[in-house]
Amino acid sequence: MNLRSFIKRSKAGNLAWRIFIGVLGGTITVLGAIALVAPGPGVLILLAGLGILASEFAWASRAMNKTKSMAQTAADKVGIPTWIKYLIFAGAALFSIFAIIYYQMHK
């Protein structure tokens, strides 16, 4: 038996679990919405929050699927081949790793 099913055995536990998931997922979704206009991976954070909410709420699952399709449509309009997107992502990840190492060595 996992933690989720243990907590959801009673009505009070089920309500507490849904409130916990609602607050956690809602907070992450709001942070993702803020990151859409601020620097950061807004769509990814937004989808993570909706994914957490979708584990308990059907409306969040529908919203997550709609957001994913909108993001895919926008990415398709850009017209960058997939391998270039992966190359850019890998380069950014490597740059971040090296920047963290450099920062830690020169503290």
PDB file of N, CA and C in Angstrom:
ATOM      1  N   MET A   1       0.844  -1.168   0.000  1.00  0.00           N
ATOM      2  CA  MET A   1       0.000   0.000   0.000  1.00  0.00           C
ATOM      3  C   MET A   1       0.900   1.245   0.000  1.00  0.00           C
ATOM      4  N   ASN A   2       0.597   2.158  -0.894  1.00  0.00           N
ATOM      5  CA  ASN A   2       1.396   3.379  -0.942  1.00  0.00           C
ATOM      6  C   ASN A   2       0.769   4.473  -0.066  1.00  0.00           C
ATOM      7  N   LEU A   3       1.509   5.543   0.090  1.00  0.00           N
ATOM      8  CA  LEU A   3       1.078   6.635   0.968  1.00  0.00           C
ATOM      9  C   LEU A   3      -0.252   7.220   0.521  1.00  0.00           C
ATOM     10  N   ARG A   4      -0.413   7.400  -0.779  1.00  0.00           N
ATOM     11  CA  ARG A   4      -1.633   8.012  -1.309  1.00  0.00           C
ATOM     12  C   ARG A   4      -2.866   7.181  -0.947  1.00  0.00           C
ATOM     13  N   SER A   5      -2.816   5.889  -1.183  1.00  0.00           N
ATOM     14  CA  SER A   5      -3.980   5.057  -0.891  1.00  0.00           C
ATOM     15  C   SER A   5      -4.211   4.939   0.623  1.00  0.00           C
ATOM     16  N   PHE A   6      -3.128   4.984   1.406  1.00  0.00           N
ATOM     17  CA  PHE A   6      -3.269   4.950   2.861  1.00  0.00           C
ATOM     18  C   PHE A   6      -4.009   6.188   3.359  1.00  0.00           C
ATOM     19  N   ILE A   7      -3.636   7.355   2.838  1.00  0.00           N
ATOM     20  CA  ILE A   7      -4.268   8.605   3.268  1.00  0.00           C
ATOM     21  C   ILE A   7      -5.712   8.681   2.796  1.00  0.00           C
ATOM     22  N   LYS A   8      -5.982   8.187   1.582  1.00  0.00           N
ATOM     23  CA  LYS A   8      -7.311   8.331   0.994  1.00  0.00           C
ATOM     24  C   LYS A   8      -8.312   7.282   1.477  1.00  0.00           C
ATOM     25  N   ARG A   9      -7.948   6.469   2.470  1.00  0.00           N
ATOM     26  CA  ARG A   9      -8.870   5.443   2.965  1.00  0.00           C
ATOM     27  C   ARG A   9     -10.095   6.048   3.643  1.00  0.00           C
ATOM     28  N   SER A  10      -9.952   7.189   4.285  1.00  0.00           N
ATOM     29  CA  SER A  10     -11.089   7.815   4.964  1.00  0.00           C
ATOM     30  C   SER A  10     -11.520   9.063   4.192  1.00  0.00           C
ATOM     31  N   LYS A  11     -12.746   9.519   4.487  1.00  0.00           N
ATOM     32  CA  LYS A  11     -13.242  10.725   3.819  1.00  0.00           C
ATOM     33  C   LYS A  11     -12.387  11.940   4.168  1.00  0.00           C
ATOM     34  N   ALA A  12     -12.004  12.047   5.442  1.00  0.00           N
ATOM     35  CA  ALA A  12     -11.181  13.185   5.874  1.00  0.00           C
ATOM     36  C   ALA A  12      -9.806  13.119   5.208  1.00  0.00           C
ATOM     37  N   GLY A  13      -9.249  11.932   5.114  1.00  0.00           N
ATOM     38  CA  GLY A  13      -7.953  11.769   4.456  1.00  0.00           C
ATOM     39  C   GLY A  13      -8.031  12.096   2.978  1.00  0.00           C
ATOM     40  N   ASN A  14      -9.131  11.674   2.341  1.00  0.00           N
ATOM     41  CA  ASN A  14      -9.328  11.973   0.920  1.00  0.00           C
ATOM     42  C   ASN A  14      -9.414  13.479   0.696  1.00  0.00           C
ATOM     43  N   LEU A  15     -10.166  14.159   1.545  1.00  0.00           N
ATOM     44  CA  LEU A  15     -10.292  15.615   1.432  1.00  0.00           C
ATOM     45  C   LEU A  15      -8.952  16.294   1.687  1.00  0.00           C
ATOM     46  N   ALA A  16      -8.235  15.839   2.705  1.00  0.00           N
ATOM     47  CA  ALA A  16      -6.926  16.418   3.013  1.00  0.00           C
ATOM     48  C   ALA A  16      -5.954  16.217   1.845  1.00  0.00           C
ATOM     49  N   TRP A  17      -6.003  15.032   1.237  1.00  0.00           N
ATOM     50  CA  TRP A  17      -5.115  14.757   0.097  1.00  0.00           C
ATOM     51  C   TRP A  17      -5.451  15.666  -1.069  1.00  0.00           C
ATOM     52  N   ARG A  18      -6.730  15.836  -1.372  1.00  0.00           N
ATOM     53  CA  ARG A  18      -7.129  16.704  -2.492  1.00  0.00           C
ATOM     54  C   ARG A  18      -6.753  18.158  -2.223  1.00  0.00           C
ATOM     55  N   ILE A  19      -6.877  18.600  -0.983  1.00  0.00           N
ATOM     56  CA  ILE A  19      -6.466  19.964  -0.638  1.00  0.00           C
ATOM     57  C   ILE A  19      -4.958  20.112  -0.807  1.00  0.00           C
ATOM     58  N   PHE A  20      -4.190  19.119  -0.333  1.00  0.00           N
ATOM     59  CA  PHE A  20      -2.738  19.151  -0.469  1.00  0.00           C
ATOM     60  C   PHE A  20      -2.330  19.207  -1.945  1.00  0.00           C
ATOM     61  N   ILE A  21      -2.914  18.345  -2.762  1.00  0.00           N
ATOM     62  CA  ILE A  21      -2.600  18.334  -4.195  1.00  0.00           C
ATOM     63  C   ILE A  21      -3.036  19.647  -4.838  1.00  0.00           C
ATOM     64  N   GLY A  22      -4.188  20.175  -4.439  1.00  0.00           N
ATOM     65  CA  GLY A  22      -4.664  21.440  -4.993  1.00  0.00           C
ATOM     66  C   GLY A  22      -3.739  22.602  -4.679  1.00  0.00           C
ATOM     67  N   VAL A  23      -3.280  22.672  -3.441  1.00  0.00           N
ATOM     68  CA  VAL A  23      -2.385  23.762  -3.042  1.00  0.00           C
ATOM     69  C   VAL A  23      -1.025  23.614  -3.719  1.00  0.00           C
ATOM     70  N   LEU A  24      -0.455  22.401  -3.700  1.00  0.00           N
ATOM     71  CA  LEU A  24       0.850  22.173  -4.320  1.00  0.00           C
ATOM     72  C   LEU A  24       0.795  22.415  -5.829  1.00  0.00           C
ATOM     73  N   GLY A  25      -0.147  21.782  -6.501  1.00  0.00           N
ATOM     74  CA  GLY A  25      -0.269  21.959  -7.950  1.00  0.00           C
ATOM     75  C   GLY A  25      -0.625  23.377  -8.337  1.00  0.00           C
ATOM     76  N   GLY A  26      -1.500  24.004  -7.553  1.00  0.00           N
ATOM     77  CA  GLY A  26      -1.880  25.391  -7.832  1.00  0.00           C
ATOM     78  C   GLY A  26      -0.707  26.343  -7.699  1.00  0.00           C
ATOM     79  N   THR A  27       0.099  26.139  -6.666  1.00  0.00           N
ATOM     80  CA  THR A  27       1.277  26.989  -6.462  1.00  0.00           C
ATOM     81  C   THR A  27       2.259  26.849  -7.620  1.00  0.00           C
ATOM     82  N   ILE A  28       2.522  25.627  -8.024  1.00  0.00           N
ATOM     83  CA  ILE A  28       3.459  25.404  -9.128  1.00  0.00           C
ATOM     84  C   ILE A  28       2.887  25.956 -10.432  1.00  0.00           C
ATOM     85  N   THR A  29       1.590  25.814 -10.639  1.00  0.00           N
ATOM     86  CA  THR A  29       0.963  26.355 -11.850  1.00  0.00           C
ATOM     87  C   THR A  29       1.056  27.877 -11.880  1.00  0.00           C
ATOM     88  N   VAL A  30       0.827  28.522 -10.761  1.00  0.00           N
ATOM     89  CA  VAL A  30       0.938  29.987 -10.696  1.00  0.00           C
ATOM     90  C   VAL A  30       2.379  30.418 -10.962  1.00  0.00           C
ATOM     91  N   LEU A  31       3.343  29.708 -10.382  1.00  0.00           N
ATOM     92  CA  LEU A  31       4.750  30.026 -10.651  1.00  0.00           C
ATOM     93  C   LEU A  31       5.068  29.855 -12.137  1.00  0.00           C
ATOM     94  N   GLY A  32       4.496  28.828 -12.774  1.00  0.00           N
ATOM     95  CA  GLY A  32       4.687  28.638 -14.212  1.00  0.00           C
ATOM     96  C   GLY A  32       4.081  29.771 -15.020  1.00  0.00           C
ATOM     97  N   ALA A  33       2.908  30.240 -14.599  1.00  0.00           N
ATOM     98  CA  ALA A  33       2.278  31.369 -15.301  1.00  0.00           C
ATOM     99  C   ALA A  33       3.126  32.625 -15.161  1.00  0.00           C
ATOM    100  N   ILE A  34       3.711  32.821 -13.991  1.00  0.00           N
ATOM    101  CA  ILE A  34       4.608  33.971 -13.797  1.00  0.00           C
ATOM    102  C   ILE A  34       5.848  33.819 -14.678  1.00  0.00           C
ATOM    103  N   ALA A  35       6.371  32.601 -14.772  1.00  0.00           N
ATOM    104  CA  ALA A  35       7.571  32.367 -15.574  1.00  0.00           C
ATOM    105  C   ALA A  35       7.306  32.490 -17.069  1.00  0.00           C
ATOM    106  N   LEU A  36       6.043  32.495 -17.477  1.00  0.00           N
ATOM    107  CA  LEU A  36       5.751  32.718 -18.895  1.00  0.00           C
ATOM    108  C   LEU A  36       6.173  34.118 -19.325  1.00  0.00           C
ATOM    109  N   VAL A  37       6.026  35.090 -18.431  1.00  0.00           N
ATOM    110  CA  VAL A  37       6.392  36.464 -18.766  1.00  0.00           C
ATOM    111  C   VAL A  37       7.737  36.860 -18.172  1.00  0.00           C
ATOM    112  N   ALA A  38       8.212  36.103 -17.203  1.00  0.00           N
ATOM    113  CA  ALA A  38       9.523  36.346 -16.601  1.00  0.00           C
ATOM    114  C   ALA A  38      10.513  35.343 -17.194  1.00  0.00           C
ATOM    115  N   PRO A  39      11.794  35.563 -16.974  1.00  0.00           N
ATOM    116  CA  PRO A  39      12.759  34.592 -17.482  1.00  0.00           C
ATOM    117  C   PRO A  39      12.567  33.240 -16.803  1.00  0.00           C
ATOM    118  N   GLY A  40      12.543  32.207 -17.603  1.00  0.00           N
ATOM    119  CA  GLY A  40      12.391  30.867 -17.065  1.00  0.00           C
ATOM    120  C   GLY A  40      11.567  29.988 -17.981  1.00  0.00           C
ATOM    121  N   PRO A  41      11.593  28.692 -17.731  1.00  0.00           N
ATOM    122  CA  PRO A  41      10.848  27.746 -18.569  1.00  0.00           C
ATOM    123  C   PRO A  41       9.376  27.700 -18.161  1.00  0.00           C
ATOM    124  N   GLY A  42       8.644  28.737 -18.474  1.00  0.00           N
ATOM    125  CA  GLY A  42       7.272  28.881 -18.011  1.00  0.00           C
ATOM    126  C   GLY A  42       6.349  27.762 -18.405  1.00  0.00           C
ATOM    127  N   VAL A  43       6.406  27.337 -19.665  1.00  0.00           N
ATOM    128  CA  VAL A  43       5.503  26.286 -20.134  1.00  0.00           C
ATOM    129  C   VAL A  43       5.780  24.979 -19.406  1.00  0.00           C
ATOM    130  N   LEU A  44       7.045  24.658 -19.190  1.00  0.00           N
ATOM    131  CA  LEU A  44       7.381  23.419 -18.497  1.00  0.00           C
ATOM    132  C   LEU A  44       6.904  23.437 -17.049  1.00  0.00           C
ATOM    133  N   ILE A  45       7.092  24.562 -16.363  1.00  0.00           N
ATOM    134  CA  ILE A  45       6.636  24.673 -14.980  1.00  0.00           C
ATOM    135  C   ILE A  45       5.116  24.622 -14.923  1.00  0.00           C
ATOM    136  N   LEU A  46       4.477  25.298 -15.864  1.00  0.00           N
ATOM    137  CA  LEU A  46       3.018  25.294 -15.928  1.00  0.00           C
ATOM    138  C   LEU A  46       2.497  23.878 -16.140  1.00  0.00           C
ATOM    139  N   LEU A  47       3.111  23.134 -17.052  1.00  0.00           N
ATOM    140  CA  LEU A  47       2.688  21.759 -17.299  1.00  0.00           C
ATOM    141  C   LEU A  47       2.954  20.857 -16.093  1.00  0.00           C
ATOM    142  N   ALA A  48       4.035  21.111 -15.379  1.00  0.00           N
ATOM    143  CA  ALA A  48       4.312  20.329 -14.166  1.00  0.00           C
ATOM    144  C   ALA A  48       3.214  20.561 -13.128  1.00  0.00           C
ATOM    145  N   GLY A  49       2.820  21.802 -12.932  1.00  0.00           N
ATOM    146  CA  GLY A  49       1.746  22.109 -11.985  1.00  0.00           C
ATOM    147  C   GLY A  49       0.426  21.493 -12.406  1.00  0.00           C
ATOM    148  N   LEU A  50       0.116  21.588 -13.699  1.00  0.00           N
ATOM    149  CA  LEU A  50      -1.125  20.976 -14.184  1.00  0.00           C
ATOM    150  C   LEU A  50      -1.061  19.459 -14.084  1.00  0.00           C
ATOM    151  N   GLY A  51       0.119  18.891 -14.274  1.00  0.00           N
ATOM    152  CA  GLY A  51       0.266  17.444 -14.136  1.00  0.00           C
ATOM    153  C   GLY A  51      -0.007  16.991 -12.711  1.00  0.00           C
ATOM    154  N   ILE A  52       0.462  17.755 -11.744  1.00  0.00           N
ATOM    155  CA  ILE A  52       0.185  17.434 -10.337  1.00  0.00           C
ATOM    156  C   ILE A  52      -1.317  17.547 -10.070  1.00  0.00           C
ATOM    157  N   LEU A  53      -1.918  18.621 -10.553  1.00  0.00           N
ATOM    158  CA  LEU A  53      -3.359  18.794 -10.361  1.00  0.00           C
ATOM    159  C   LEU A  53      -4.158  17.707 -11.079  1.00  0.00           C
ATOM    160  N   ALA A  54      -3.686  17.274 -12.247  1.00  0.00           N
ATOM    161  CA  ALA A  54      -4.404  16.267 -13.027  1.00  0.00           C
ATOM    162  C   ALA A  54      -4.442  14.913 -12.326  1.00  0.00           C
ATOM    163  N   SER A  55      -3.559  14.694 -11.357  1.00  0.00           N
ATOM    164  CA  SER A  55      -3.600  13.426 -10.631  1.00  0.00           C
ATOM    165  C   SER A  55      -4.862  13.302  -9.785  1.00  0.00           C
ATOM    166  N   GLU A  56      -5.541  14.419  -9.511  1.00  0.00           N
ATOM    167  CA  GLU A  56      -6.761  14.390  -8.700  1.00  0.00           C
ATOM    168  C   GLU A  56      -7.964  15.068  -9.357  1.00  0.00           C
ATOM    169  N   PHE A  57      -7.737  15.961 -10.317  1.00  0.00           N
ATOM    170  CA  PHE A  57      -8.820  16.756 -10.875  1.00  0.00           C
ATOM    171  C   PHE A  57      -8.884  16.581 -12.394  1.00  0.00           C
ATOM    172  N   ALA A  58     -10.066  16.187 -12.909  1.00  0.00           N
ATOM    173  CA  ALA A  58     -10.234  15.943 -14.346  1.00  0.00           C
ATOM    174  C   ALA A  58     -10.079  17.225 -15.159  1.00  0.00           C
ATOM    175  N   TRP A  59     -10.532  18.362 -14.628  1.00  0.00           N
ATOM    176  CA  TRP A  59     -10.426  19.624 -15.368  1.00  0.00           C
ATOM    177  C   TRP A  59      -8.965  19.984 -15.635  1.00  0.00           C
ATOM    178  N   ALA A  60      -8.075  19.626 -14.706  1.00  0.00           N
ATOM    179  CA  ALA A  60      -6.653  19.932 -14.879  1.00  0.00           C
ATOM    180  C   ALA A  60      -6.059  19.079 -15.993  1.00  0.00           C
ATOM    181  N   SER A  61      -6.543  17.859 -16.116  1.00  0.00           N
ATOM    182  CA  SER A  61      -6.062  16.988 -17.196  1.00  0.00           C
ATOM    183  C   SER A  61      -6.445  17.575 -18.559  1.00  0.00           C
ATOM    184  N   ARG A  62      -7.672  18.064 -18.668  1.00  0.00           N
ATOM    185  CA  ARG A  62      -8.100  18.695 -19.927  1.00  0.00           C
ATOM    186  C   ARG A  62      -7.298  19.963 -20.205  1.00  0.00           C
ATOM    187  N   ALA A  63      -7.054  20.769 -19.178  1.00  0.00           N
ATOM    188  CA  ALA A  63      -6.272  21.997 -19.354  1.00  0.00           C
ATOM    189  C   ALA A  63      -4.830  21.672 -19.741  1.00  0.00           C
ATOM    190  N   MET A  64      -4.269  20.616 -19.164  1.00  0.00           N
ATOM    191  CA  MET A  64      -2.898  20.234 -19.479  1.00  0.00           C
ATOM    192  C   MET A  64      -2.795  19.786 -20.942  1.00  0.00           C
ATOM    193  N   ASN A  65      -3.750  18.993 -21.394  1.00  0.00           N
ATOM    194  CA  ASN A  65      -3.728  18.549 -22.795  1.00  0.00           C
ATOM    195  C   ASN A  65      -3.883  19.724 -23.753  1.00  0.00           C
ATOM    196  N   LYS A  66      -4.736  20.677 -23.413  1.00  0.00           N
ATOM    197  CA  LYS A  66      -4.912  21.873 -24.253  1.00  0.00           C
ATOM    198  C   LYS A  66      -3.623  22.703 -24.283  1.00  0.00           C
ATOM    199  N   THR A  67      -2.970  22.870 -23.140  1.00  0.00           N
ATOM    200  CA  THR A  67      -1.726  23.638 -23.064  1.00  0.00           C
ATOM    201  C   THR A  67      -0.620  22.958 -23.857  1.00  0.00           C
ATOM    202  N   LYS A  68      -0.536  21.632 -23.746  1.00  0.00           N
ATOM    203  CA  LYS A  68       0.485  20.898 -24.504  1.00  0.00           C
ATOM    204  C   LYS A  68       0.266  21.044 -26.004  1.00  0.00           C
ATOM    205  N   SER A  69      -0.981  20.988 -26.446  1.00  0.00           N
ATOM    206  CA  SER A  69      -1.241  21.122 -27.881  1.00  0.00           C
ATOM    207  C   SER A  69      -0.940  22.539 -28.360  1.00  0.00           C
ATOM    208  N   MET A  70      -1.228  23.545 -27.527  1.00  0.00           N
ATOM    209  CA  MET A  70      -0.902  24.928 -27.900  1.00  0.00           C
ATOM    210  C   MET A  70       0.611  25.130 -27.981  1.00  0.00           C
ATOM    211  N   ALA A  71       1.345  24.547 -27.039  1.00  0.00           N
ATOM    212  CA  ALA A  71       2.809  24.658 -27.048  1.00  0.00           C
ATOM    213  C   ALA A  71       3.393  23.948 -28.265  1.00  0.00           C
ATOM    214  N   GLN A  72       2.833  22.799 -28.617  1.00  0.00           N
ATOM    215  CA  GLN A  72       3.322  22.068 -29.785  1.00  0.00           C
ATOM    216  C   GLN A  72       3.030  22.839 -31.067  1.00  0.00           C
ATOM    217  N   THR A  73       1.862  23.462 -31.158  1.00  0.00           N
ATOM    218  CA  THR A  73       1.521  24.279 -32.326  1.00  0.00           C
ATOM    219  C   THR A  73       2.484  25.453 -32.455  1.00  0.00           C
ATOM    220  N   ALA A  74       2.779  26.112 -31.344  1.00  0.00           N
ATOM    221  CA  ALA A  74       3.721  27.236 -31.369  1.00  0.00           C
ATOM    222  C   ALA A  74       5.111  26.762 -31.772  1.00  0.00           C
ATOM    223  N   ALA A  75       5.536  25.615 -31.267  1.00  0.00           N
ATOM    224  CA  ALA A  75       6.855  25.087 -31.623  1.00  0.00           C
ATOM    225  C   ALA A  75       6.912  24.708 -33.101  1.00  0.00           C
ATOM    226  N   ASP A  76       5.824  24.184 -33.635  1.00  0.00           N
ATOM    227  CA  ASP A  76       5.788  23.816 -35.051  1.00  0.00           C
ATOM    228  C   ASP A  76       5.842  25.053 -35.948  1.00  0.00           C
ATOM    229  N   LYS A  77       5.251  26.154 -35.501  1.00  0.00           N
ATOM    230  CA  LYS A  77       5.274  27.389 -36.288  1.00  0.00           C
ATOM    231  C   LYS A  77       6.676  27.977 -36.381  1.00  0.00           C
ATOM    232  N   VAL A  78       7.494  27.741 -35.343  1.00  0.00           N
ATOM    233  CA  VAL A  78       8.859  28.265 -35.352  1.00  0.00           C
ATOM    234  C   VAL A  78       9.653  27.622 -36.484  1.00  0.00           C
ATOM    235  N   GLY A  79       9.430  26.346 -36.724  1.00  0.00           N
ATOM    236  CA  GLY A  79      10.048  25.668 -37.849  1.00  0.00           C
ATOM    237  C   GLY A  79      11.474  25.205 -37.620  1.00  0.00           C
ATOM    238  N   ILE A  80      11.924  25.142 -36.387  1.00  0.00           N
ATOM    239  CA  ILE A  80      13.270  24.645 -36.104  1.00  0.00           C
ATOM    240  C   ILE A  80      13.214  23.123 -36.057  1.00  0.00           C
ATOM    241  N   PRO A  81      14.111  22.441 -36.770  1.00  0.00           N
ATOM    242  CA  PRO A  81      14.114  20.974 -36.717  1.00  0.00           C
ATOM    243  C   PRO A  81      14.343  20.468 -35.292  1.00  0.00           C
ATOM    244  N   THR A  82      13.796  19.304 -35.023  1.00  0.00           N
ATOM    245  CA  THR A  82      13.862  18.740 -33.672  1.00  0.00           C
ATOM    246  C   THR A  82      15.292  18.543 -33.203  1.00  0.00           C
ATOM    247  N   TRP A  83      16.179  18.083 -34.084  1.00  0.00           N
ATOM    248  CA  TRP A  83      17.547  17.809 -33.649  1.00  0.00           C
ATOM    249  C   TRP A  83      18.259  19.096 -33.235  1.00  0.00           C
ATOM    250  N   ILE A  84      17.907  20.213 -33.855  1.00  0.00           N
ATOM    251  CA  ILE A  84      18.509  21.490 -33.468  1.00  0.00           C
ATOM    252  C   ILE A  84      17.985  21.919 -32.094  1.00  0.00           C
ATOM    253  N   LYS A  85      16.682  21.689 -31.841  1.00  0.00           N
ATOM    254  CA  LYS A  85      16.130  21.998 -30.523  1.00  0.00           C
ATOM    255  C   LYS A  85      16.857  21.204 -29.444  1.00  0.00           C
ATOM    256  N   TYR A  86      17.078  19.912 -29.699  1.00  0.00           N
ATOM    257  CA  TYR A  86      17.790  19.073 -28.725  1.00  0.00           C
ATOM    258  C   TYR A  86      19.234  19.535 -28.550  1.00  0.00           C
ATOM    259  N   LEU A  87      19.866  19.950 -29.634  1.00  0.00           N
ATOM    260  CA  LEU A  87      21.235  20.438 -29.571  1.00  0.00           C
ATOM    261  C   LEU A  87      21.313  21.726 -28.736  1.00  0.00           C
ATOM    262  N   ILE A  88      20.374  22.616 -28.931  1.00  0.00           N
ATOM    263  CA  ILE A  88      20.332  23.856 -28.157  1.00  0.00           C
ATOM    264  C   ILE A  88      20.102  23.542 -26.680  1.00  0.00           C
ATOM    265  N   PHE A  89      19.178  22.641 -26.403  1.00  0.00           N
ATOM    266  CA  PHE A  89      18.889  22.260 -25.024  1.00  0.00           C
ATOM    267  C   PHE A  89      20.106  21.627 -24.357  1.00  0.00           C
ATOM    268  N   ALA A  90      20.785  20.715 -25.077  1.00  0.00           N
ATOM    269  CA  ALA A  90      21.978  20.060 -24.522  1.00  0.00           C
ATOM    270  C   ALA A  90      23.088  21.083 -24.283  1.00  0.00           C
ATOM    271  N   GLY A  91      23.264  22.016 -25.215  1.00  0.00           N
ATOM    272  CA  GLY A  91      24.273  23.057 -25.045  1.00  0.00           C
ATOM    273  C   GLY A  91      23.974  23.942 -23.842  1.00  0.00           C
ATOM    274  N   ALA A  92      22.716  24.285 -23.672  1.00  0.00           N
ATOM    275  CA  ALA A  92      22.329  25.106 -22.516  1.00  0.00           C
ATOM    276  C   ALA A  92      22.546  24.340 -21.208  1.00  0.00           C
ATOM    277  N   ALA A  93      22.257  23.050 -21.220  1.00  0.00           N
ATOM    278  CA  ALA A  93      22.476  22.240 -20.016  1.00  0.00           C
ATOM    279  C   ALA A  93      23.962  22.167 -19.687  1.00  0.00           C
ATOM    280  N   LEU A  94      24.794  21.931 -20.690  1.00  0.00           N
ATOM    281  CA  LEU A  94      26.244  21.877 -20.464  1.00  0.00           C
ATOM    282  C   LEU A  94      26.769  23.221 -19.975  1.00  0.00           C
ATOM    283  N   PHE A  95      26.300  24.308 -20.577  1.00  0.00           N
ATOM    284  CA  PHE A  95      26.712  25.637 -20.148  1.00  0.00           C
ATOM    285  C   PHE A  95      26.340  25.861 -18.683  1.00  0.00           C
ATOM    286  N   SER A  96      25.135  25.441 -18.299  1.00  0.00           N
ATOM    287  CA  SER A  96      24.702  25.600 -16.914  1.00  0.00           C
ATOM    288  C   SER A  96      25.587  24.814 -15.960  1.00  0.00           C
ATOM    289  N   ILE A  97      25.918  23.594 -16.345  1.00  0.00           N
ATOM    290  CA  ILE A  97      26.780  22.755 -15.499  1.00  0.00           C
ATOM    291  C   ILE A  97      28.143  23.406 -15.324  1.00  0.00           C
ATOM    292  N   PHE A  98      28.734  23.848 -16.426  1.00  0.00           N
ATOM    293  CA  PHE A  98      30.050  24.490 -16.353  1.00  0.00           C
ATOM    294  C   PHE A  98      29.989  25.805 -15.567  1.00  0.00           C
ATOM    295  N   ALA A  99      28.914  26.558 -15.711  1.00  0.00           N
ATOM    296  CA  ALA A  99      28.764  27.809 -14.974  1.00  0.00           C
ATOM    297  C   ALA A  99      28.660  27.544 -13.473  1.00  0.00           C
ATOM    298  N   ILE A 100      27.942  26.504 -13.102  1.00  0.00           N
ATOM    299  CA  ILE A 100      27.826  26.153 -11.677  1.00  0.00           C
ATOM    300  C   ILE A 100      29.176  25.724 -11.126  1.00  0.00           C
ATOM    301  N   ILE A 101      29.898  24.894 -11.871  1.00  0.00           N
ATOM    302  CA  ILE A 101      31.224  24.441 -11.434  1.00  0.00           C
ATOM    303  C   ILE A 101      32.169  25.638 -11.300  1.00  0.00           C
ATOM    304  N   TYR A 102      32.169  26.527 -12.295  1.00  0.00           N
ATOM    305  CA  TYR A 102      33.022  27.709 -12.261  1.00  0.00           C
ATOM    306  C   TYR A 102      32.679  28.579 -11.040  1.00  0.00           C
ATOM    307  N   TYR A 103      31.394  28.770 -10.808  1.00  0.00           N
ATOM    308  CA  TYR A 103      30.951  29.590  -9.681  1.00  0.00           C
ATOM    309  C   TYR A 103      31.400  28.968  -8.356  1.00  0.00           C
ATOM    310  N   GLN A 104      31.255  27.668  -8.234  1.00  0.00           N
ATOM    311  CA  GLN A 104      31.625  26.994  -6.989  1.00  0.00           C
ATOM    312  C   GLN A 104      33.143  27.038  -6.747  1.00  0.00           C
ATOM    313  N   MET A 105      33.929  27.001  -7.806  1.00  0.00           N
ATOM    314  CA  MET A 105      35.389  27.014  -7.671  1.00  0.00           C
ATOM    315  C   MET A 105      35.913  28.412  -7.336  1.00  0.00           C
ATOM    316  N   HIS A 106      35.162  29.447  -7.694  1.00  0.00           N
ATOM    317  CA  HIS A 106      35.634  30.821  -7.508  1.00  0.00           C
ATOM    318  C   HIS A 106      34.822  31.565  -6.458  1.00  0.00           C
ATOM    319  N   LYS A 107      34.325  30.859  -5.489  1.00  0.00           N
ATOM    320  CA  LYS A 107      33.566  31.493  -4.402  1.00  0.00           C
ATOM    321  C   LYS A 107      34.498  32.184  -3.450  1.00  0.00           C
TER     322      LYS A 107
END
